[in-house]
Amino acid sequence: MKTKVLLYLLFSLATLGLYGQKNIYESGRFDEFSRDHEVLAILPFLANLELEEEISPEQLKNLEEKEGYAVQDALEIYFSKRKKKKKFSVEFQNTENTNAILAKNNITYDNIDVYTIKELCKILKVDGIISGTLDLNILLSKGVPTNFSLIDYIKGNSNYGRIGVKISDGATGKLLWKYEKKINKKSGKNTTALIEFMMKRATRKFPYEREKKKNRKRKN
């Protein structure tokens, strides 16, 4: 009997965690704004670290930048894999090109947030921007502990932060799509695994998925 109760508790916690950790938004005017989209650029994510160990502001700044670029790389890898299977209706600008163009225009990790989406799209010559934020209490790029502990789960010690991915239209600057998720021991052991994990679960909701576009056209 006790075993059944424990299993039920674990299932309930897992279910609550699943529903509480995902949040997807899509603009009702997505089709209108994205109709002519052909190329999107992936920007380095803006990271915020709250680590237990004491480090200098300069070290913290460098680590945040590293984490932000790690997510950019991981997203490019994910999209590249999916693109080979012809899963998307758009292309993704090579991130090395993206970062080089930004650098040539004196846009750095430190000042990129002062530029508007419309300005960045014009500079990068793309139709839309994929960007986001990352709040962490660990260094995700170095890997996270994946062993499961019920006590940690209940106390919330298994939560390592939150990630938000968004897509914005270059012509209008409007937010078209956003996906937020908590990061925990089940999210993946590193940045690449996390992106693979979360994007697979957002696949049916990702607006540029060919299958989703087909379903939307059928409904209309």
C-alpha atoms as a PDB file:
ATOM      1  CA  MET A   1       0.000   0.000   0.000  1.00  0.00           C
ATOM      2  CA  LYS A   2       2.818   2.377   0.953  1.00  0.00           C
ATOM      3  CA  THR A   3       4.524   1.628  -2.342  1.00  0.00           C
ATOM      4  CA  LYS A   4       1.376   2.552  -4.276  1.00  0.00           C
ATOM      5  CA  VAL A   5       1.033   5.814  -2.342  1.00  0.00           C
ATOM      6  CA  LEU A   6       4.682   6.695  -3.023  1.00  0.00           C
ATOM      7  CA  LEU A   7       4.311   5.934  -6.736  1.00  0.00           C
ATOM      8  CA  TYR A   8       1.157   8.056  -6.883  1.00  0.00           C
ATOM      9  CA  LEU A   9       2.997  10.914  -5.143  1.00  0.00           C
ATOM     10  CA  LEU A  10       5.884  10.692  -7.603  1.00  0.00           C
ATOM     11  CA  PHE A  11       3.496  10.659 -10.570  1.00  0.00           C
ATOM     12  CA  SER A  12       1.585  13.665  -9.205  1.00  0.00           C
ATOM     13  CA  LEU A  13       4.771  15.631  -8.639  1.00  0.00           C
ATOM     14  CA  ALA A  14       6.051  14.794 -12.100  1.00  0.00           C
ATOM     15  CA  THR A  15       2.727  15.817 -13.659  1.00  0.00           C
ATOM     16  CA  LEU A  16       2.591  19.074 -11.756  1.00  0.00           C
ATOM     17  CA  GLY A  17       6.187  19.740 -12.709  1.00  0.00           C
ATOM     18  CA  LEU A  18       5.452  19.076 -16.380  1.00  0.00           C
ATOM     19  CA  TYR A  19       2.518  21.466 -16.508  1.00  0.00           C
ATOM     20  CA  GLY A  20       4.148  24.074 -14.318  1.00  0.00           C
ATOM     21  CA  GLN A  21       7.416  24.251 -16.198  1.00  0.00           C
ATOM     22  CA  LYS A  22       6.224  24.977 -19.729  1.00  0.00           C
ATOM     23  CA  ASN A  23       4.648  28.138 -21.055  1.00  0.00           C
ATOM     24  CA  ILE A  24       4.165  28.722 -24.779  1.00  0.00           C
ATOM     25  CA  TYR A  25       2.783  31.878 -26.370  1.00  0.00           C
ATOM     26  CA  GLU A  26       2.079  32.480 -30.047  1.00  0.00           C
ATOM     27  CA  SER A  27       0.774  35.693 -31.558  1.00  0.00           C
ATOM     28  CA  GLY A  28      -2.645  35.460 -33.164  1.00  0.00           C
ATOM     29  CA  ARG A  29      -1.162  37.395 -36.100  1.00  0.00           C
ATOM     30  CA  PHE A  30       1.832  35.072 -36.547  1.00  0.00           C
ATOM     31  CA  ASP A  31       0.858  34.016 -40.090  1.00  0.00           C
ATOM     32  CA  GLU A  32       0.386  37.623 -41.143  1.00  0.00           C
ATOM     33  CA  PHE A  33       3.745  38.840 -39.806  1.00  0.00           C
ATOM     34  CA  SER A  34       5.784  35.776 -40.814  1.00  0.00           C
ATOM     35  CA  ARG A  35       4.342  35.258 -44.299  1.00  0.00           C
ATOM     36  CA  ASP A  36       7.522  36.447 -46.054  1.00  0.00           C
ATOM     37  CA  HIS A  37      10.057  35.165 -43.529  1.00  0.00           C
ATOM     38  CA  GLU A  38      12.958  33.330 -45.138  1.00  0.00           C
ATOM     39  CA  VAL A  39      15.944  33.746 -42.786  1.00  0.00           C
ATOM     40  CA  LEU A  40      16.152  34.091 -39.001  1.00  0.00           C
ATOM     41  CA  ALA A  41      19.178  35.024 -36.902  1.00  0.00           C
ATOM     42  CA  ILE A  42      19.933  33.435 -33.529  1.00  0.00           C
ATOM     43  CA  LEU A  43      21.382  35.865 -31.006  1.00  0.00           C
ATOM     44  CA  PRO A  44      23.475  35.002 -27.942  1.00  0.00           C
ATOM     45  CA  PHE A  45      21.128  34.747 -24.961  1.00  0.00           C
ATOM     46  CA  LEU A  46      21.239  37.286 -22.144  1.00  0.00           C
ATOM     47  CA  ALA A  47      22.271  35.294 -19.078  1.00  0.00           C
ATOM     48  CA  ASN A  48      21.898  36.089 -15.396  1.00  0.00           C
ATOM     49  CA  LEU A  49      23.931  33.953 -12.977  1.00  0.00           C
ATOM     50  CA  GLU A  50      23.350  33.684  -9.239  1.00  0.00           C
ATOM     51  CA  LEU A  51      26.093  31.318  -8.117  1.00  0.00           C
ATOM     52  CA  GLU A  52      26.765  30.210  -4.555  1.00  0.00           C
ATOM     53  CA  GLU A  53      30.523  30.713  -4.791  1.00  0.00           C
ATOM     54  CA  GLU A  54      31.892  34.232  -4.512  1.00  0.00           C
ATOM     55  CA  ILE A  55      33.535  35.523  -7.666  1.00  0.00           C
ATOM     56  CA  SER A  56      34.533  38.944  -8.931  1.00  0.00           C
ATOM     57  CA  PRO A  57      32.105  41.020 -11.029  1.00  0.00           C
ATOM     58  CA  GLU A  58      34.445  40.599 -14.005  1.00  0.00           C
ATOM     59  CA  GLN A  59      34.469  36.801 -13.652  1.00  0.00           C
ATOM     60  CA  LEU A  60      30.680  36.772 -13.327  1.00  0.00           C
ATOM     61  CA  LYS A  61      30.332  38.898 -16.446  1.00  0.00           C
ATOM     62  CA  ASN A  62      32.596  36.552 -18.424  1.00  0.00           C
ATOM     63  CA  LEU A  63      30.718  33.461 -17.239  1.00  0.00           C
ATOM     64  CA  GLU A  64      27.337  34.977 -18.127  1.00  0.00           C
ATOM     65  CA  GLU A  65      28.603  35.783 -21.604  1.00  0.00           C
ATOM     66  CA  LYS A  66      29.920  32.231 -22.000  1.00  0.00           C
ATOM     67  CA  GLU A  67      26.562  30.754 -20.989  1.00  0.00           C
ATOM     68  CA  GLY A  68      24.724  33.077 -23.376  1.00  0.00           C
ATOM     69  CA  TYR A  69      26.850  32.031 -26.339  1.00  0.00           C
ATOM     70  CA  ALA A  70      26.555  28.371 -25.341  1.00  0.00           C
ATOM     71  CA  VAL A  71      22.767  28.553 -25.748  1.00  0.00           C
ATOM     72  CA  GLN A  72      23.159  30.289 -29.111  1.00  0.00           C
ATOM     73  CA  ASP A  73      25.428  27.444 -30.282  1.00  0.00           C
ATOM     74  CA  ALA A  74      23.101  24.760 -28.919  1.00  0.00           C
ATOM     75  CA  LEU A  75      20.100  26.237 -30.722  1.00  0.00           C
ATOM     76  CA  GLU A  76      22.018  26.385 -33.995  1.00  0.00           C
ATOM     77  CA  ILE A  77      22.981  22.718 -33.614  1.00  0.00           C
ATOM     78  CA  TYR A  78      19.370  21.749 -32.916  1.00  0.00           C
ATOM     79  CA  PHE A  79      17.953  23.710 -35.844  1.00  0.00           C
ATOM     80  CA  SER A  80      20.662  22.372 -38.173  1.00  0.00           C
ATOM     81  CA  LYS A  81      19.737  18.785 -37.336  1.00  0.00           C
ATOM     82  CA  ARG A  82      16.045  19.454 -37.896  1.00  0.00           C
ATOM     83  CA  LYS A  83      16.693  21.438 -41.064  1.00  0.00           C
ATOM     84  CA  LYS A  84      18.500  18.471 -42.646  1.00  0.00           C
ATOM     85  CA  LYS A  85      15.224  16.579 -42.328  1.00  0.00           C
ATOM     86  CA  LYS A  86      13.421  19.496 -44.010  1.00  0.00           C
ATOM     87  CA  LYS A  87      11.379  20.189 -40.915  1.00  0.00           C
ATOM     88  CA  PHE A  88      11.403  23.985 -41.141  1.00  0.00           C
ATOM     89  CA  SER A  89       9.996  26.523 -43.574  1.00  0.00           C
ATOM     90  CA  VAL A  90      12.811  29.036 -42.887  1.00  0.00           C
ATOM     91  CA  GLU A  91      16.610  29.134 -42.940  1.00  0.00           C
ATOM     92  CA  PHE A  92      18.791  30.070 -39.976  1.00  0.00           C
ATOM     93  CA  GLN A  93      21.726  32.423 -40.400  1.00  0.00           C
ATOM     94  CA  ASN A  94      25.064  30.870 -39.451  1.00  0.00           C
ATOM     95  CA  THR A  95      25.833  32.105 -35.917  1.00  0.00           C
ATOM     96  CA  GLU A  96      29.469  32.791 -36.784  1.00  0.00           C
ATOM     97  CA  ASN A  97      28.254  35.144 -39.500  1.00  0.00           C
ATOM     98  CA  THR A  98      25.724  36.677 -37.128  1.00  0.00           C
ATOM     99  CA  ASN A  99      28.360  37.381 -34.476  1.00  0.00           C
ATOM    100  CA  ALA A 100      30.860  38.669 -37.053  1.00  0.00           C
ATOM    101  CA  ILE A 101      28.341  41.131 -38.510  1.00  0.00           C
ATOM    102  CA  LEU A 102      27.425  42.324 -35.017  1.00  0.00           C
ATOM    103  CA  ALA A 103      31.098  42.811 -34.151  1.00  0.00           C
ATOM    104  CA  LYS A 104      31.706  44.810 -37.347  1.00  0.00           C
ATOM    105  CA  ASN A 105      28.912  47.116 -36.252  1.00  0.00           C
ATOM    106  CA  ASN A 106      30.363  47.485 -32.739  1.00  0.00           C
ATOM    107  CA  ILE A 107      27.525  45.487 -31.227  1.00  0.00           C
ATOM    108  CA  THR A 108      28.762  43.393 -28.326  1.00  0.00           C
ATOM    109  CA  TYR A 109      27.265  41.085 -25.737  1.00  0.00           C
ATOM    110  CA  ASP A 110      27.258  44.041 -23.333  1.00  0.00           C
ATOM    111  CA  ASN A 111      25.331  46.480 -25.515  1.00  0.00           C
ATOM    112  CA  ILE A 112      23.190  44.276 -27.770  1.00  0.00           C
ATOM    113  CA  ASP A 113      20.161  44.811 -25.537  1.00  0.00           C
ATOM    114  CA  VAL A 114      20.046  48.545 -26.351  1.00  0.00           C
ATOM    115  CA  TYR A 115      19.295  47.816 -30.014  1.00  0.00           C
ATOM    116  CA  THR A 116      15.750  47.214 -31.187  1.00  0.00           C
ATOM    117  CA  ILE A 117      14.673  44.088 -33.048  1.00  0.00           C
ATOM    118  CA  LYS A 118      14.089  46.168 -36.170  1.00  0.00           C
ATOM    119  CA  GLU A 119      17.584  47.657 -35.965  1.00  0.00           C
ATOM    120  CA  LEU A 120      19.231  44.262 -35.469  1.00  0.00           C
ATOM    121  CA  CYS A 121      17.313  42.680 -38.345  1.00  0.00           C
ATOM    122  CA  LYS A 122      18.300  45.500 -40.650  1.00  0.00           C
ATOM    123  CA  ILE A 123      21.975  45.164 -39.679  1.00  0.00           C
ATOM    124  CA  LEU A 124      21.931  41.363 -39.984  1.00  0.00           C
ATOM    125  CA  LYS A 125      19.748  41.420 -43.120  1.00  0.00           C
ATOM    126  CA  VAL A 126      17.324  38.815 -41.753  1.00  0.00           C
ATOM    127  CA  ASP A 127      13.548  38.614 -41.459  1.00  0.00           C
ATOM    128  CA  GLY A 128      13.333  37.764 -37.782  1.00  0.00           C
ATOM    129  CA  ILE A 129      15.289  37.256 -34.586  1.00  0.00           C
ATOM    130  CA  ILE A 130      15.507  34.308 -32.186  1.00  0.00           C
ATOM    131  CA  SER A 131      16.661  35.551 -28.795  1.00  0.00           C
ATOM    132  CA  GLY A 132      16.103  34.839 -25.143  1.00  0.00           C
ATOM    133  CA  THR A 133      17.097  34.960 -21.509  1.00  0.00           C
ATOM    134  CA  LEU A 134      18.736  32.509 -19.165  1.00  0.00           C
ATOM    135  CA  ASP A 135      18.553  32.628 -15.357  1.00  0.00           C
ATOM    136  CA  LEU A 136      20.839  30.101 -13.662  1.00  0.00           C
ATOM    137  CA  ASN A 137      22.261  29.203 -10.276  1.00  0.00           C
ATOM    138  CA  ILE A 138      24.754  26.777 -11.860  1.00  0.00           C
ATOM    139  CA  LEU A 139      27.039  26.742 -14.901  1.00  0.00           C
ATOM    140  CA  LEU A 140      24.891  24.827 -17.348  1.00  0.00           C
ATOM    141  CA  SER A 141      27.634  24.639 -19.965  1.00  0.00           C
ATOM    142  CA  LYS A 142      29.750  22.630 -17.507  1.00  0.00           C
ATOM    143  CA  GLY A 143      26.957  20.159 -16.849  1.00  0.00           C
ATOM    144  CA  VAL A 144      24.509  19.551 -13.994  1.00  0.00           C
ATOM    145  CA  PRO A 145      23.947  16.659 -11.588  1.00  0.00           C
ATOM    146  CA  THR A 146      21.321  14.301 -13.005  1.00  0.00           C
ATOM    147  CA  ASN A 147      20.792  11.913 -10.079  1.00  0.00           C
ATOM    148  CA  PHE A 148      17.185  12.052  -8.835  1.00  0.00           C
ATOM    149  CA  SER A 149      16.302  12.806  -5.217  1.00  0.00           C
ATOM    150  CA  LEU A 150      12.691  13.015  -4.052  1.00  0.00           C
ATOM    151  CA  ILE A 151      13.692  15.237  -1.133  1.00  0.00           C
ATOM    152  CA  ASP A 152      15.479  17.662  -3.467  1.00  0.00           C
ATOM    153  CA  TYR A 153      12.440  17.683  -5.753  1.00  0.00           C
ATOM    154  CA  ILE A 154      10.053  18.489  -2.888  1.00  0.00           C
ATOM    155  CA  LYS A 155      12.333  21.195  -1.457  1.00  0.00           C
ATOM    156  CA  GLY A 156      12.931  22.698  -4.876  1.00  0.00           C
ATOM    157  CA  ASN A 157      16.683  22.091  -4.741  1.00  0.00           C
ATOM    158  CA  SER A 158      16.531  20.370  -8.117  1.00  0.00           C
ATOM    159  CA  ASN A 159      15.627  23.602  -9.887  1.00  0.00           C
ATOM    160  CA  TYR A 160      18.568  25.337 -11.547  1.00  0.00           C
ATOM    161  CA  GLY A 161      16.849  28.285 -13.164  1.00  0.00           C
ATOM    162  CA  ARG A 162      14.709  29.199 -16.142  1.00  0.00           C
ATOM    163  CA  ILE A 163      15.155  29.700 -19.873  1.00  0.00           C
ATOM    164  CA  GLY A 164      13.033  31.740 -22.243  1.00  0.00           C
ATOM    165  CA  VAL A 165      13.198  31.554 -26.049  1.00  0.00           C
ATOM    166  CA  LYS A 166      11.398  34.080 -28.240  1.00  0.00           C
ATOM    167  CA  ILE A 167      10.960  34.900 -31.915  1.00  0.00           C
ATOM    168  CA  SER A 168      10.401  38.480 -33.061  1.00  0.00           C
ATOM    169  CA  ASP A 169       9.430  39.913 -36.434  1.00  0.00           C
ATOM    170  CA  GLY A 170      12.053  42.102 -38.075  1.00  0.00           C
ATOM    171  CA  ALA A 171       9.685  44.409 -39.956  1.00  0.00           C
ATOM    172  CA  THR A 172       7.493  45.307 -36.992  1.00  0.00           C
ATOM    173  CA  GLY A 173       9.580  44.286 -33.974  1.00  0.00           C
ATOM    174  CA  LYS A 174       6.540  42.384 -32.684  1.00  0.00           C
ATOM    175  CA  LEU A 175       6.876  39.327 -30.459  1.00  0.00           C
ATOM    176  CA  LEU A 176       5.611  36.346 -32.458  1.00  0.00           C
ATOM    177  CA  TRP A 177       6.372  33.336 -30.262  1.00  0.00           C
ATOM    178  CA  LYS A 178       7.765  32.631 -26.800  1.00  0.00           C
ATOM    179  CA  TYR A 179       8.582  29.479 -24.885  1.00  0.00           C
ATOM    180  CA  GLU A 180       9.632  29.431 -21.225  1.00  0.00           C
ATOM    181  CA  LYS A 181      10.750  26.464 -19.170  1.00  0.00           C
ATOM    182  CA  LYS A 182      12.250  25.742 -15.784  1.00  0.00           C
ATOM    183  CA  ILE A 183      15.602  23.974 -15.748  1.00  0.00           C
ATOM    184  CA  ASN A 184      16.010  20.993 -13.437  1.00  0.00           C
ATOM    185  CA  LYS A 185      17.748  17.626 -13.197  1.00  0.00           C
ATOM    186  CA  LYS A 186      15.460  16.178 -15.847  1.00  0.00           C
ATOM    187  CA  SER A 187      16.144  18.932 -18.365  1.00  0.00           C
ATOM    188  CA  GLY A 188      19.463  17.544 -19.550  1.00  0.00           C
ATOM    189  CA  LYS A 189      23.044  17.305 -18.363  1.00  0.00           C
ATOM    190  CA  ASN A 190      24.347  20.334 -20.295  1.00  0.00           C
ATOM    191  CA  THR A 191      23.337  23.200 -22.593  1.00  0.00           C
ATOM    192  CA  THR A 192      23.058  21.101 -25.766  1.00  0.00           C
ATOM    193  CA  ALA A 193      20.996  18.428 -23.989  1.00  0.00           C
ATOM    194  CA  LEU A 194      18.727  21.075 -22.451  1.00  0.00           C
ATOM    195  CA  ILE A 195      17.955  22.692 -25.808  1.00  0.00           C
ATOM    196  CA  GLU A 196      17.365  19.270 -27.385  1.00  0.00           C
ATOM    197  CA  PHE A 197      15.047  18.322 -24.503  1.00  0.00           C
ATOM    198  CA  MET A 198      12.989  21.501 -24.413  1.00  0.00           C
ATOM    199  CA  MET A 199      12.716  22.067 -28.163  1.00  0.00           C
ATOM    200  CA  LYS A 200      11.578  18.500 -28.794  1.00  0.00           C
ATOM    201  CA  ARG A 201       8.704  19.178 -26.413  1.00  0.00           C
ATOM    202  CA  ALA A 202       7.930  22.415 -28.201  1.00  0.00           C
ATOM    203  CA  THR A 203       8.153  20.899 -31.673  1.00  0.00           C
ATOM    204  CA  ARG A 204       4.419  20.736 -32.317  1.00  0.00           C
ATOM    205  CA  LYS A 205       4.140  24.313 -31.115  1.00  0.00           C
ATOM    206  CA  PHE A 206       7.144  25.712 -32.983  1.00  0.00           C
ATOM    207  CA  PRO A 207       5.566  28.042 -35.565  1.00  0.00           C
ATOM    208  CA  TYR A 208       7.985  27.339 -38.428  1.00  0.00           C
ATOM    209  CA  GLU A 209       7.496  23.571 -38.328  1.00  0.00           C
ATOM    210  CA  ARG A 210       6.187  22.523 -41.740  1.00  0.00           C
ATOM    211  CA  GLU A 211       3.739  20.063 -40.196  1.00  0.00           C
ATOM    212  CA  LYS A 212       2.221  22.725 -37.993  1.00  0.00           C
ATOM    213  CA  LYS A 213       1.845  25.095 -40.932  1.00  0.00           C
ATOM    214  CA  LYS A 214       0.043  22.395 -42.891  1.00  0.00           C
ATOM    215  CA  ASN A 215      -2.360  21.784 -40.011  1.00  0.00           C
ATOM    216  CA  ARG A 216      -3.008  25.488 -39.678  1.00  0.00           C
ATOM    217  CA  LYS A 217      -3.827  25.808 -43.378  1.00  0.00           C
ATOM    218  CA  ARG A 218      -6.251  22.885 -43.127  1.00  0.00           C
ATOM    219  CA  LYS A 219      -8.086  24.622 -40.291  1.00  0.00           C
ATOM    220  CA  ASN A 220      -8.319  27.842 -42.285  1.00  0.00           C
END
